[in-house]
Amino acid sequence: MQGPQPRTLKPGVYLLNNQKGGTAADLSGGDRRSLIGFPVHSGINQQWRFNPSGAGFSIQSVSDPDLYVSVEGLYQNVPVVAIPFPVSWVVEPDESDAHVWRILWPESKLCLDLEGHGSSKPGAKVLLISSYYTRARVINGGTVQVVLTERKFFETSQLWTLSAVDVYDVPRTPHQRSEEETDADSPPLGEPTKKRSDDIVTAKPPSSEGARGPPTLKEYLAEYSWTALPVALVALVVSLTS
């Protein structure tokens, strides 16, 4: 009998709330590049689309779909930024909560953390920090040996609650609201556009020519030039004999 299958994240749009700081990963409005911790407001700059990519997920900004979560160097405490080049992040479930995850750089033990080990201060940078801790010990001869030991449990500042966002409830920007109001003033698809009063052309009343009989020769001569007189005479004869 097979054991329970490992939990995997479903693709979609999520808020990333830090377990320790209580703030959300936010695309900074200052430079539109840095990822910072900011009080949760669920706006589109705090929404991130997780797209399947290789063995992991690329993390795409909802407010600017051309940007993806990445770094510009691979070292301890490097700031996390949004750039046009996607990365396949490893998204691992935490054993304590079905909605809690840790997000790691591929093939490493560097994971997303908040500056100050989970500072709740607005504007704290999202950083890439090792999930190992160091322990120094003295061995024979006074040599100091630094031992890297993997944490059994991650720091809470390295854990993130991923809250799914309903795409139909995504807050709209002023530009989007303006477009919606413009669309609301337009007629539904397939419905004819109503004419304005200045577009209406008044029809001319029908001529009373038929009621008064055929035109006279004088009227024909007044209407046609002398070069067209033969044609006019033929037309007059036809009208009199019909």
C-alpha atoms as a PDB file:
ATOM      1  CA  MET A   1       0.000   0.000   0.000  1.00  0.00           C
ATOM      2  CA  GLN A   2       1.376   3.359  -1.020  1.00  0.00           C
ATOM      3  CA  GLY A   3       1.879   6.060   1.563  1.00  0.00           C
ATOM      4  CA  PRO A   4       0.468   9.589   1.265  1.00  0.00           C
ATOM      5  CA  GLN A   5       1.654  11.510  -1.763  1.00  0.00           C
ATOM      6  CA  PRO A   6       3.821  14.574  -1.117  1.00  0.00           C
ATOM      7  CA  ARG A   7       1.853  17.799  -1.154  1.00  0.00           C
ATOM      8  CA  THR A   8       2.398  19.981  -4.210  1.00  0.00           C
ATOM      9  CA  LEU A   9       1.363  23.541  -4.911  1.00  0.00           C
ATOM     10  CA  LYS A  10      -1.346  24.180  -7.475  1.00  0.00           C
ATOM     11  CA  PRO A  11      -0.507  26.778 -10.135  1.00  0.00           C
ATOM     12  CA  GLY A  12      -2.317  30.057  -9.573  1.00  0.00           C
ATOM     13  CA  VAL A  13      -2.154  33.528  -8.048  1.00  0.00           C
ATOM     14  CA  TYR A  14      -1.157  33.836  -4.391  1.00  0.00           C
ATOM     15  CA  LEU A  15      -0.342  36.318  -1.656  1.00  0.00           C
ATOM     16  CA  LEU A  16       2.956  35.539   0.115  1.00  0.00           C
ATOM     17  CA  ASN A  17       2.600  36.331   3.815  1.00  0.00           C
ATOM     18  CA  ASN A  18       5.647  35.900   6.028  1.00  0.00           C
ATOM     19  CA  GLN A  19       4.970  33.677   9.033  1.00  0.00           C
ATOM     20  CA  LYS A  20       7.066  35.710  11.443  1.00  0.00           C
ATOM     21  CA  GLY A  21       6.794  39.291  10.220  1.00  0.00           C
ATOM     22  CA  GLY A  22       3.118  39.034   9.279  1.00  0.00           C
ATOM     23  CA  THR A  23       3.720  41.206   6.219  1.00  0.00           C
ATOM     24  CA  ALA A  24       3.281  40.319   2.550  1.00  0.00           C
ATOM     25  CA  ALA A  25       5.927  40.127  -0.168  1.00  0.00           C
ATOM     26  CA  ASP A  26       5.310  43.357  -2.061  1.00  0.00           C
ATOM     27  CA  LEU A  27       6.715  44.689  -5.350  1.00  0.00           C
ATOM     28  CA  SER A  28       8.065  48.041  -4.187  1.00  0.00           C
ATOM     29  CA  GLY A  29       6.238  51.041  -5.587  1.00  0.00           C
ATOM     30  CA  GLY A  30       9.448  53.037  -5.199  1.00  0.00           C
ATOM     31  CA  ASP A  31      11.624  51.307  -7.780  1.00  0.00           C
ATOM     32  CA  ARG A  32       9.226  48.655  -9.195  1.00  0.00           C
ATOM     33  CA  ARG A  33      12.041  46.164  -8.707  1.00  0.00           C
ATOM     34  CA  SER A  34      12.730  45.378  -5.051  1.00  0.00           C
ATOM     35  CA  LEU A  35      10.681  42.868  -3.067  1.00  0.00           C
ATOM     36  CA  ILE A  36       9.861  44.158   0.398  1.00  0.00           C
ATOM     37  CA  GLY A  37       7.686  43.216   3.328  1.00  0.00           C
ATOM     38  CA  PHE A  38       4.621  45.438   3.614  1.00  0.00           C
ATOM     39  CA  PRO A  39       1.339  45.300   5.566  1.00  0.00           C
ATOM     40  CA  VAL A  40      -1.164  43.091   3.783  1.00  0.00           C
ATOM     41  CA  HIS A  41      -3.618  44.960   1.543  1.00  0.00           C
ATOM     42  CA  SER A  42      -4.070  42.292  -1.197  1.00  0.00           C
ATOM     43  CA  GLY A  43      -3.382  44.767  -4.006  1.00  0.00           C
ATOM     44  CA  ILE A  44      -1.993  43.529  -7.295  1.00  0.00           C
ATOM     45  CA  ASN A  45       1.578  44.439  -6.341  1.00  0.00           C
ATOM     46  CA  GLN A  46       1.252  41.821  -3.551  1.00  0.00           C
ATOM     47  CA  GLN A  47      -0.060  39.150  -5.902  1.00  0.00           C
ATOM     48  CA  TRP A  48       2.219  36.582  -7.508  1.00  0.00           C
ATOM     49  CA  ARG A  49       1.409  34.037 -10.171  1.00  0.00           C
ATOM     50  CA  PHE A  50       3.056  30.635  -9.714  1.00  0.00           C
ATOM     51  CA  ASN A  51       3.615  29.071 -13.135  1.00  0.00           C
ATOM     52  CA  PRO A  52       4.926  25.496 -13.530  1.00  0.00           C
ATOM     53  CA  SER A  53       8.517  25.645 -14.763  1.00  0.00           C
ATOM     54  CA  GLY A  54      10.643  22.512 -14.928  1.00  0.00           C
ATOM     55  CA  ALA A  55      10.680  20.871 -11.493  1.00  0.00           C
ATOM     56  CA  GLY A  56       9.470  24.035  -9.783  1.00  0.00           C
ATOM     57  CA  PHE A  57       7.641  27.299 -10.380  1.00  0.00           C
ATOM     58  CA  SER A  58       8.432  30.667 -11.863  1.00  0.00           C
ATOM     59  CA  ILE A  59       6.966  33.459  -9.731  1.00  0.00           C
ATOM     60  CA  GLN A  60       5.468  36.198 -11.895  1.00  0.00           C
ATOM     61  CA  SER A  61       4.309  39.630 -10.801  1.00  0.00           C
ATOM     62  CA  VAL A  62       0.593  40.229 -11.379  1.00  0.00           C
ATOM     63  CA  SER A  63       1.003  44.012 -11.404  1.00  0.00           C
ATOM     64  CA  ASP A  64       3.763  43.774 -14.043  1.00  0.00           C
ATOM     65  CA  PRO A  65       3.622  40.428 -15.915  1.00  0.00           C
ATOM     66  CA  ASP A  66       6.999  41.133 -17.552  1.00  0.00           C
ATOM     67  CA  LEU A  67       8.738  40.715 -14.175  1.00  0.00           C
ATOM     68  CA  TYR A  68       9.670  37.536 -12.286  1.00  0.00           C
ATOM     69  CA  VAL A  69      11.088  36.932  -8.814  1.00  0.00           C
ATOM     70  CA  SER A  70      14.846  36.381  -9.010  1.00  0.00           C
ATOM     71  CA  VAL A  71      18.199  37.566  -7.631  1.00  0.00           C
ATOM     72  CA  GLU A  72      21.249  39.200  -9.167  1.00  0.00           C
ATOM     73  CA  GLY A  73      23.769  37.091  -7.305  1.00  0.00           C
ATOM     74  CA  LEU A  74      23.893  33.829  -5.401  1.00  0.00           C
ATOM     75  CA  TYR A  75      25.177  34.538  -1.918  1.00  0.00           C
ATOM     76  CA  GLN A  76      23.982  34.982   1.642  1.00  0.00           C
ATOM     77  CA  ASN A  77      21.666  37.966   2.222  1.00  0.00           C
ATOM     78  CA  VAL A  78      21.384  38.908  -1.464  1.00  0.00           C
ATOM     79  CA  PRO A  79      18.262  41.049  -2.031  1.00  0.00           C
ATOM     80  CA  VAL A  80      15.424  39.439  -3.974  1.00  0.00           C
ATOM     81  CA  VAL A  81      14.282  41.452  -6.992  1.00  0.00           C
ATOM     82  CA  ALA A  82      11.808  41.296  -9.877  1.00  0.00           C
ATOM     83  CA  ILE A  83      13.471  41.142 -13.300  1.00  0.00           C
ATOM     84  CA  PRO A  84      12.416  40.035 -16.824  1.00  0.00           C
ATOM     85  CA  PHE A  85      14.109  36.621 -16.509  1.00  0.00           C
ATOM     86  CA  PRO A  86      12.152  33.777 -14.834  1.00  0.00           C
ATOM     87  CA  VAL A  87      13.722  31.266 -12.447  1.00  0.00           C
ATOM     88  CA  SER A  88      12.353  27.838 -11.523  1.00  0.00           C
ATOM     89  CA  TRP A  89      12.005  28.126  -7.731  1.00  0.00           C
ATOM     90  CA  VAL A  90      11.668  25.065  -5.510  1.00  0.00           C
ATOM     91  CA  VAL A  91       8.458  25.333  -3.478  1.00  0.00           C
ATOM     92  CA  GLU A  92       8.451  22.890  -0.547  1.00  0.00           C
ATOM     93  CA  PRO A  93       5.561  22.270   1.838  1.00  0.00           C
ATOM     94  CA  ASP A  94       5.992  22.717   5.557  1.00  0.00           C
ATOM     95  CA  GLU A  95       4.901  19.814   7.716  1.00  0.00           C
ATOM     96  CA  SER A  96       3.038  22.009  10.195  1.00  0.00           C
ATOM     97  CA  ASP A  97       0.411  23.680   7.999  1.00  0.00           C
ATOM     98  CA  ALA A  98      -1.162  22.888   4.633  1.00  0.00           C
ATOM     99  CA  HIS A  99      -0.888  26.533   3.544  1.00  0.00           C
ATOM    100  CA  VAL A 100       2.702  27.133   4.641  1.00  0.00           C
ATOM    101  CA  TRP A 101       5.617  26.746   2.246  1.00  0.00           C
ATOM    102  CA  ARG A 102       9.304  27.540   1.920  1.00  0.00           C
ATOM    103  CA  ILE A 103      10.707  28.850  -1.342  1.00  0.00           C
ATOM    104  CA  LEU A 104      14.263  27.889  -2.252  1.00  0.00           C
ATOM    105  CA  TRP A 105      16.733  28.707  -4.982  1.00  0.00           C
ATOM    106  CA  PRO A 106      17.103  25.579  -7.150  1.00  0.00           C
ATOM    107  CA  GLU A 107      19.760  23.065  -6.077  1.00  0.00           C
ATOM    108  CA  SER A 108      20.713  25.072  -3.008  1.00  0.00           C
ATOM    109  CA  LYS A 109      19.698  25.638   0.599  1.00  0.00           C
ATOM    110  CA  LEU A 110      19.155  29.354   0.083  1.00  0.00           C
ATOM    111  CA  CYS A 111      15.556  30.373   0.667  1.00  0.00           C
ATOM    112  CA  LEU A 112      13.362  33.456   0.826  1.00  0.00           C
ATOM    113  CA  ASP A 113      13.550  35.254   4.158  1.00  0.00           C
ATOM    114  CA  LEU A 114      12.767  38.703   5.509  1.00  0.00           C
ATOM    115  CA  GLU A 115      15.430  41.180   6.540  1.00  0.00           C
ATOM    116  CA  GLY A 116      16.139  41.037  10.268  1.00  0.00           C
ATOM    117  CA  HIS A 117      14.968  37.418  10.435  1.00  0.00           C
ATOM    118  CA  GLY A 118      11.357  38.341   9.887  1.00  0.00           C
ATOM    119  CA  SER A 119      11.118  42.047  10.652  1.00  0.00           C
ATOM    120  CA  SER A 120       7.565  43.384  10.600  1.00  0.00           C
ATOM    121  CA  LYS A 121       8.829  46.856   9.676  1.00  0.00           C
ATOM    122  CA  PRO A 122       7.266  48.077   6.403  1.00  0.00           C
ATOM    123  CA  GLY A 123       9.920  48.113   3.701  1.00  0.00           C
ATOM    124  CA  ALA A 124      12.056  45.295   5.137  1.00  0.00           C
ATOM    125  CA  LYS A 125      13.826  43.629   2.223  1.00  0.00           C
ATOM    126  CA  VAL A 126      13.072  40.104   1.079  1.00  0.00           C
ATOM    127  CA  LEU A 127      16.436  38.319   1.082  1.00  0.00           C
ATOM    128  CA  LEU A 128      17.936  35.003   0.068  1.00  0.00           C
ATOM    129  CA  ILE A 129      19.301  33.411   3.260  1.00  0.00           C
ATOM    130  CA  SER A 130      20.824  30.021   3.958  1.00  0.00           C
ATOM    131  CA  SER A 131      18.656  27.408   5.618  1.00  0.00           C
ATOM    132  CA  TYR A 132      21.766  26.055   7.387  1.00  0.00           C
ATOM    133  CA  TYR A 133      23.130  27.316  10.654  1.00  0.00           C
ATOM    134  CA  THR A 134      26.797  27.333  11.622  1.00  0.00           C
ATOM    135  CA  ARG A 135      28.317  25.841  14.724  1.00  0.00           C
ATOM    136  CA  ALA A 136      31.938  26.299  15.718  1.00  0.00           C
ATOM    137  CA  ARG A 137      33.842  23.724  17.713  1.00  0.00           C
ATOM    138  CA  VAL A 138      37.417  23.467  18.955  1.00  0.00           C
ATOM    139  CA  ILE A 139      39.295  20.273  18.211  1.00  0.00           C
ATOM    140  CA  ASN A 140      42.746  19.011  19.252  1.00  0.00           C
ATOM    141  CA  GLY A 141      45.469  21.568  18.782  1.00  0.00           C
ATOM    142  CA  GLY A 142      43.140  24.532  19.214  1.00  0.00           C
ATOM    143  CA  THR A 143      41.876  24.421  15.635  1.00  0.00           C
ATOM    144  CA  VAL A 144      38.458  25.971  15.173  1.00  0.00           C
ATOM    145  CA  GLN A 145      36.234  23.982  12.847  1.00  0.00           C
ATOM    146  CA  VAL A 146      33.056  25.466  11.440  1.00  0.00           C
ATOM    147  CA  VAL A 147      30.327  22.901  10.940  1.00  0.00           C
ATOM    148  CA  LEU A 148      27.312  23.511   8.726  1.00  0.00           C
ATOM    149  CA  THR A 149      24.261  21.758  10.093  1.00  0.00           C
ATOM    150  CA  GLU A 150      20.975  21.726   8.209  1.00  0.00           C
ATOM    151  CA  ARG A 151      18.049  22.927  10.217  1.00  0.00           C
ATOM    152  CA  LYS A 152      15.462  20.280  10.918  1.00  0.00           C
ATOM    153  CA  PHE A 153      12.843  22.997  11.169  1.00  0.00           C
ATOM    154  CA  PHE A 154      13.129  26.200   9.206  1.00  0.00           C
ATOM    155  CA  GLU A 155      13.040  29.582  10.897  1.00  0.00           C
ATOM    156  CA  THR A 156       9.518  31.002  10.849  1.00  0.00           C
ATOM    157  CA  SER A 157      10.868  33.974   8.884  1.00  0.00           C
ATOM    158  CA  GLN A 158      11.675  31.485   6.095  1.00  0.00           C
ATOM    159  CA  LEU A 159       8.123  30.172   6.000  1.00  0.00           C
ATOM    160  CA  TRP A 160       5.430  31.776   3.877  1.00  0.00           C
ATOM    161  CA  THR A 161       1.676  31.376   3.901  1.00  0.00           C
ATOM    162  CA  LEU A 162       0.425  31.173   0.324  1.00  0.00           C
ATOM    163  CA  SER A 163      -3.146  32.453   0.169  1.00  0.00           C
ATOM    164  CA  ALA A 164      -4.887  31.813  -3.146  1.00  0.00           C
ATOM    165  CA  VAL A 165      -6.377  34.875  -4.854  1.00  0.00           C
ATOM    166  CA  ASP A 166      -9.573  34.583  -6.876  1.00  0.00           C
ATOM    167  CA  VAL A 167      -8.692  36.233 -10.187  1.00  0.00           C
ATOM    168  CA  TYR A 168     -12.259  37.587 -10.401  1.00  0.00           C
ATOM    169  CA  ASP A 169     -11.759  39.465  -7.137  1.00  0.00           C
ATOM    170  CA  VAL A 170      -8.448  41.059  -8.074  1.00  0.00           C
ATOM    171  CA  PRO A 171      -8.509  44.768  -7.083  1.00  0.00           C
ATOM    172  CA  ARG A 172      -8.637  46.962 -10.172  1.00  0.00           C
ATOM    173  CA  THR A 173      -6.286  49.821 -10.934  1.00  0.00           C
ATOM    174  CA  PRO A 174      -7.741  53.290 -11.742  1.00  0.00           C
ATOM    175  CA  HIS A 175      -6.837  52.702 -15.415  1.00  0.00           C
ATOM    176  CA  GLN A 176      -8.749  49.403 -15.447  1.00  0.00           C
ATOM    177  CA  ARG A 177     -11.770  51.023 -13.774  1.00  0.00           C
ATOM    178  CA  SER A 178     -11.718  53.821 -16.389  1.00  0.00           C
ATOM    179  CA  GLU A 179     -11.747  51.246 -19.195  1.00  0.00           C
ATOM    180  CA  GLU A 180     -14.647  49.392 -17.566  1.00  0.00           C
ATOM    181  CA  GLU A 181     -16.678  52.607 -17.282  1.00  0.00           C
ATOM    182  CA  THR A 182     -16.021  53.338 -20.972  1.00  0.00           C
ATOM    183  CA  ASP A 183     -17.160  49.835 -21.898  1.00  0.00           C
ATOM    184  CA  ALA A 184     -20.305  50.271 -19.793  1.00  0.00           C
ATOM    185  CA  ASP A 185     -21.318  53.299 -21.905  1.00  0.00           C
ATOM    186  CA  SER A 186     -21.028  51.269 -25.122  1.00  0.00           C
ATOM    187  CA  PRO A 187     -24.019  49.281 -26.450  1.00  0.00           C
ATOM    188  CA  PRO A 188     -23.983  45.506 -25.906  1.00  0.00           C
ATOM    189  CA  LEU A 189     -22.500  43.382 -28.650  1.00  0.00           C
ATOM    190  CA  GLY A 190     -25.010  42.962 -31.490  1.00  0.00           C
ATOM    191  CA  GLU A 191     -27.212  45.881 -30.409  1.00  0.00           C
ATOM    192  CA  PRO A 192     -27.437  48.707 -32.985  1.00  0.00           C
ATOM    193  CA  THR A 193     -25.995  52.015 -31.938  1.00  0.00           C
ATOM    194  CA  LYS A 194     -28.663  54.621 -31.217  1.00  0.00           C
ATOM    195  CA  LYS A 195     -28.576  57.644 -33.511  1.00  0.00           C
ATOM    196  CA  ARG A 196     -28.252  61.079 -32.047  1.00  0.00           C
ATOM    197  CA  SER A 197     -30.748  63.768 -33.011  1.00  0.00           C
ATOM    198  CA  ASP A 198     -28.180  65.474 -35.240  1.00  0.00           C
ATOM    199  CA  ASP A 199     -27.649  62.187 -37.112  1.00  0.00           C
ATOM    200  CA  ILE A 200     -31.308  61.905 -38.133  1.00  0.00           C
ATOM    201  CA  VAL A 201     -32.068  62.918 -41.729  1.00  0.00           C
ATOM    202  CA  THR A 202     -35.596  64.181 -42.330  1.00  0.00           C
ATOM    203  CA  ALA A 203     -37.222  62.522 -45.359  1.00  0.00           C
ATOM    204  CA  LYS A 204     -38.545  64.830 -48.096  1.00  0.00           C
ATOM    205  CA  PRO A 205     -42.283  64.655 -48.800  1.00  0.00           C
ATOM    206  CA  PRO A 206     -43.204  62.698 -51.941  1.00  0.00           C
ATOM    207  CA  SER A 207     -43.577  64.660 -55.181  1.00  0.00           C
ATOM    208  CA  SER A 208     -47.114  65.507 -56.312  1.00  0.00           C
ATOM    209  CA  GLU A 209     -46.110  65.122 -59.958  1.00  0.00           C
ATOM    210  CA  GLY A 210     -48.121  61.953 -60.455  1.00  0.00           C
ATOM    211  CA  ALA A 211     -51.286  63.580 -59.153  1.00  0.00           C
ATOM    212  CA  ARG A 212     -51.288  66.501 -61.620  1.00  0.00           C
ATOM    213  CA  GLY A 213     -50.698  64.525 -64.796  1.00  0.00           C
ATOM    214  CA  PRO A 214     -47.872  64.506 -67.352  1.00  0.00           C
ATOM    215  CA  PRO A 215     -45.684  67.614 -67.742  1.00  0.00           C
ATOM    216  CA  THR A 216     -46.407  70.128 -70.508  1.00  0.00           C
ATOM    217  CA  LEU A 217     -44.149  70.878 -73.464  1.00  0.00           C
ATOM    218  CA  LYS A 218     -43.233  74.208 -71.871  1.00  0.00           C
ATOM    219  CA  GLU A 219     -42.092  72.411 -68.733  1.00  0.00           C
ATOM    220  CA  TYR A 220     -39.990  69.976 -70.769  1.00  0.00           C
ATOM    221  CA  LEU A 221     -38.421  72.836 -72.716  1.00  0.00           C
ATOM    222  CA  ALA A 222     -37.628  74.662 -69.454  1.00  0.00           C
ATOM    223  CA  GLU A 223     -35.990  71.539 -68.011  1.00  0.00           C
ATOM    224  CA  TYR A 224     -33.959  70.412 -71.008  1.00  0.00           C
ATOM    225  CA  SER A 225     -31.535  72.419 -73.131  1.00  0.00           C
ATOM    226  CA  TRP A 226     -32.150  72.842 -76.896  1.00  0.00           C
ATOM    227  CA  THR A 227     -29.510  70.218 -77.621  1.00  0.00           C
ATOM    228  CA  ALA A 228     -31.700  67.710 -75.792  1.00  0.00           C
ATOM    229  CA  LEU A 229     -34.952  68.841 -77.460  1.00  0.00           C
ATOM    230  CA  PRO A 230     -35.388  65.703 -79.655  1.00  0.00           C
ATOM    231  CA  VAL A 231     -35.097  63.499 -76.596  1.00  0.00           C
ATOM    232  CA  ALA A 232     -37.568  65.670 -74.720  1.00  0.00           C
ATOM    233  CA  LEU A 233     -40.097  65.497 -77.591  1.00  0.00           C
ATOM    234  CA  VAL A 234     -39.857  61.716 -77.722  1.00  0.00           C
ATOM    235  CA  ALA A 235     -40.371  61.519 -73.969  1.00  0.00           C
ATOM    236  CA  LEU A 236     -43.409  63.816 -74.238  1.00  0.00           C
ATOM    237  CA  VAL A 237     -44.994  61.729 -76.997  1.00  0.00           C
ATOM    238  CA  VAL A 238     -44.463  58.544 -75.004  1.00  0.00           C
ATOM    239  CA  SER A 239     -46.014  60.064 -71.899  1.00  0.00           C
ATOM    240  CA  LEU A 240     -49.078  61.348 -73.847  1.00  0.00           C
ATOM    241  CA  THR A 241     -49.740  58.051 -75.555  1.00  0.00           C
ATOM    242  CA  SER A 242     -49.272  55.893 -72.465  1.00  0.00           C
END
